[in-house]
C-alpha cells in the first residue's frame, strides 16, 4: 500500500520539493511524506558516507528528517534549493556525530591515562623539601650578618621593612639596600634565574 501511494505521488506532476517544504512548514503531513520519499535515499547516502556505520547512519538520517519537519518554516527558497538545504542539515548533523564520538573517545583516553598516572609520592616530596631547606640554609650562611638578620626578620618573621629598620635601629633605606643585596646573593647561590 505504501508503494502504491509513493508511485501515485511520483507519477503525478505537482509542486517541487520547494513547494512541498512550504506545505510541510504549514504542518501538511502528506507533503512531508512526499518530501521523505524524495530525500530519504540521498540523505541516507550522504550520512552513510560520513559516518560509515549503518546503524548510526539510520539514526542520524531519522534525526535529520525530524529536523526537516520541525524547521521547515526556516527554509528560504531564495537562498538555495530545498535539496541543498536538506543535505546541508544532514551533513552538519553527521559531522556533529563524528565530532561527538571523537570527543567521547578522547575523554575516555584521557581518563585511561589518568588511571595509569603514578600515585603521589609523599616520601619524594619530603626529601625534595628537606634538600631545598638545606640549600637555603647553606646559602643564608654566605650572607653578611646584617643581610641575614634583615632577611630573617622580613621573610621568616613576617615583619615589614619599616619594622625591621626600627628593630635594628637602622635607616629604612639601609635596610632596603641590605635586603636587596642579600636577596641577590641568595638568588645567585640558589641558581635561580632573574
Protein backbone atom coordinates (compact mmCIF):
# COMPACT_ATOMS: atom_id res chain seq x y z
CA UNK A 1 0.00 0.00 0.00
CA UNK A 2 2.89 2.35 0.81
CA UNK A 3 4.44 1.58 -2.59
CA UNK A 4 1.23 2.48 -4.42
CA UNK A 5 0.99 5.78 -2.52
CA UNK A 6 4.60 6.53 -3.40
CA UNK A 7 4.05 5.66 -7.03
CA UNK A 8 0.95 7.86 -7.12
CA UNK A 9 2.84 10.80 -5.67
CA UNK A 10 5.81 10.45 -8.00
CA UNK A 11 3.68 9.86 -11.10
CA UNK A 12 1.56 12.97 -10.62
CA UNK A 13 3.02 16.26 -11.63
CA UNK A 14 2.85 18.65 -8.72
CA UNK A 15 4.85 21.04 -6.69
CA UNK A 16 8.58 20.53 -6.50
CA UNK A 17 10.48 19.95 -3.31
CA UNK A 18 10.47 23.68 -2.56
CA UNK A 19 6.67 23.79 -2.69
CA UNK A 20 6.39 20.62 -0.65
CA UNK A 21 8.59 22.15 2.07
CA UNK A 22 6.34 25.21 2.16
CA UNK A 23 3.38 22.89 2.78
CA UNK A 24 5.38 20.99 5.43
CA UNK A 25 6.03 24.32 7.13
CA UNK A 26 2.24 24.66 7.49
CA UNK A 27 2.01 21.18 9.06
CA UNK A 28 0.94 19.18 5.97
CA UNK A 29 1.76 15.54 6.76
CA UNK A 30 1.11 14.31 3.21
CA UNK A 31 3.59 16.84 1.90
CA UNK A 32 6.10 15.58 4.45
CA UNK A 33 5.56 12.01 3.24
CA UNK A 34 6.32 13.21 -0.30
CA UNK A 35 9.43 15.06 0.95
CA UNK A 36 10.50 11.89 2.74
CA UNK A 37 10.16 9.83 -0.44
CA UNK A 38 12.27 12.33 -2.38
CA UNK A 39 15.08 12.98 0.08
CA UNK A 40 15.38 9.81 2.20
CA UNK A 41 17.67 7.87 -0.12
CA UNK A 42 20.16 10.64 -1.00
CA UNK A 43 20.10 11.85 2.62
CA UNK A 44 20.95 8.38 3.95
CA UNK A 45 23.69 8.03 1.32
CA UNK A 46 25.33 11.28 2.38
CA UNK A 47 25.14 10.44 6.08
CA UNK A 48 26.44 6.91 5.47
CA UNK A 49 29.39 8.37 3.55
CA UNK A 50 30.35 10.48 6.58
CA UNK A 51 29.63 8.00 9.38
CA UNK A 52 30.31 4.62 7.71
CA UNK A 53 28.30 2.83 10.43
CA UNK A 54 24.87 1.76 9.07
CA UNK A 55 23.10 1.85 12.45
CA UNK A 56 24.38 5.33 13.31
CA UNK A 57 23.64 6.47 9.76
CA UNK A 58 20.00 5.39 10.10
CA UNK A 59 19.74 7.15 13.45
CA UNK A 60 21.22 10.39 12.14
CA UNK A 61 19.08 10.25 8.97
CA UNK A 62 16.00 9.91 11.17
CA UNK A 63 17.12 12.87 13.29
CA UNK A 64 17.59 14.95 10.13
CA UNK A 65 14.12 14.10 8.87
CA UNK A 66 12.62 15.12 12.21
CA UNK A 67 14.62 18.34 11.94
CA UNK A 68 13.25 18.92 8.42
CA UNK A 69 9.70 18.55 9.80
CA UNK A 70 10.38 20.93 12.69
CA UNK A 71 12.44 23.54 10.88
CA UNK A 72 10.66 23.64 7.52
CA UNK A 73 9.41 27.19 8.29
CA UNK A 74 13.05 28.34 8.27
CA UNK A 75 13.66 27.14 4.71
CA UNK A 76 14.16 30.08 2.33
CA UNK A 77 13.99 29.14 -1.37
CA UNK A 78 15.74 32.37 -2.37
CA UNK A 79 18.87 31.16 -0.53
CA UNK A 80 19.12 27.81 -2.34
CA UNK A 81 17.29 24.68 -3.34
CA UNK A 82 15.33 22.55 -0.89
CA UNK A 83 17.54 19.55 -1.63
CA UNK A 84 20.66 21.58 -0.81
CA UNK A 85 19.05 22.75 2.43
CA UNK A 86 18.18 19.20 3.48
CA UNK A 87 21.62 17.89 2.51
CA UNK A 88 23.29 20.70 4.46
CA UNK A 89 21.25 19.75 7.53
CA UNK A 90 22.25 16.11 7.02
CA UNK A 91 25.94 16.85 6.55
CA UNK A 92 26.08 19.09 9.62
CA UNK A 93 24.31 16.51 11.77
CA UNK A 94 26.62 13.72 10.56
CA UNK A 95 29.74 15.79 11.20
CA UNK A 96 28.41 16.67 14.66
CA UNK A 97 28.01 12.96 15.38
CA UNK A 98 31.58 12.25 14.28
CA UNK A 99 32.89 15.09 16.45
CA UNK A 100 30.83 13.91 19.40
CA UNK A 101 32.15 10.37 19.04
CA UNK A 102 35.73 11.68 18.76
CA UNK A 103 35.30 13.85 21.86
CA UNK A 104 33.95 10.88 23.82
CA UNK A 105 36.86 8.76 22.66
CA UNK A 106 39.33 11.50 23.67
CA UNK A 107 37.73 11.77 27.12
CA UNK A 108 37.98 8.01 27.63
CA UNK A 109 41.61 8.06 26.51
CA UNK A 110 42.46 10.88 28.94
CA UNK A 111 40.66 9.06 31.75
CA UNK A 112 42.63 5.90 30.99
CA UNK A 113 45.88 7.86 31.08
CA UNK A 114 44.95 9.39 34.42
CA UNK A 115 44.31 5.91 35.81
CA UNK A 116 47.83 4.94 34.77
CA UNK A 117 49.46 8.03 36.34
CA UNK A 118 51.71 7.21 39.27
CA UNK A 119 50.34 7.95 42.70
CA UNK A 120 51.61 10.96 44.63
CA UNK A 121 54.89 10.08 46.28
CA UNK A 122 54.90 11.70 49.72
CA UNK A 123 58.40 10.46 50.55
CA UNK A 124 59.87 12.03 47.44
CA UNK A 125 58.15 15.34 48.21
CA UNK A 126 59.52 15.32 51.77
CA UNK A 127 63.06 14.56 50.61
CA UNK A 128 62.95 17.32 47.98
CA UNK A 129 61.62 19.82 50.53
CA UNK A 130 64.36 18.89 53.00
CA UNK A 131 67.06 19.27 50.34
CA UNK A 132 65.69 22.67 49.36
CA UNK A 133 65.67 23.83 53.02
CA UNK A 134 69.28 22.67 53.46
CA UNK A 135 70.32 24.53 50.33
CA UNK A 136 68.63 27.72 51.55
CA UNK A 137 70.33 27.39 54.96
CA UNK A 138 73.72 26.90 53.27
CA UNK A 139 73.15 29.97 51.10
CA UNK A 140 71.98 32.03 54.09
CA UNK A 141 75.37 31.33 55.73
CA UNK A 142 77.08 33.09 52.81
CA UNK A 143 75.34 36.40 53.63
CA UNK A 144 76.75 39.11 55.88
CA UNK A 145 75.34 39.23 59.40
CA UNK A 146 73.19 42.31 58.72
CA UNK A 147 71.84 40.84 55.46
CA UNK A 148 70.98 37.57 57.23
CA UNK A 149 69.29 39.45 60.12
CA UNK A 150 67.29 41.63 57.75
CA UNK A 151 66.10 38.69 55.60
CA UNK A 152 65.28 36.57 58.65
CA UNK A 153 63.18 39.32 60.22
CA UNK A 154 61.43 40.29 56.98
CA UNK A 155 60.82 36.87 55.41
CA UNK A 156 60.83 34.37 58.25
CA UNK A 157 59.17 36.51 60.93
CA UNK A 158 56.99 38.49 58.53
CA UNK A 159 58.00 41.99 59.64
CA UNK A 160 57.65 44.96 57.33
CA UNK A 161 60.74 46.76 56.12
CA UNK A 162 59.92 49.68 58.47
CA UNK A 163 59.59 47.27 61.43
CA UNK A 164 62.95 45.67 60.55
CA UNK A 165 64.55 49.13 60.41
CA UNK A 166 63.13 50.07 63.82
CA UNK A 167 64.20 46.77 65.40
CA UNK A 168 67.76 47.02 64.04
CA UNK A 169 67.85 50.79 64.68
CA UNK A 170 68.87 51.46 61.08
CA UNK A 171 67.53 53.88 58.47
CA UNK A 172 64.79 52.38 56.25
CA UNK A 173 66.89 52.93 53.09
CA UNK A 174 69.80 50.99 54.60
CA UNK A 175 67.53 48.04 55.44
CA UNK A 176 66.08 48.04 51.94
CA UNK A 177 69.58 48.05 50.42
CA UNK A 178 70.74 45.18 52.65
CA UNK A 179 67.62 43.17 51.86
CA UNK A 180 68.05 43.74 48.12
CA UNK A 181 71.75 42.84 48.20
CA UNK A 182 71.06 39.78 50.38
CA UNK A 183 68.30 38.54 48.09
CA UNK A 184 70.55 38.96 45.06
CA UNK A 185 73.26 36.87 46.76
CA UNK A 186 70.68 34.23 47.72
CA UNK A 187 69.36 34.12 44.17
CA UNK A 188 72.87 33.64 42.79
CA UNK A 189 73.72 30.99 45.40
CA UNK A 190 70.48 29.05 44.76
CA UNK A 191 70.99 29.24 40.98
CA UNK A 192 67.64 30.93 40.38
CA UNK A 193 67.46 32.93 37.16
CA UNK A 194 66.23 36.50 37.42
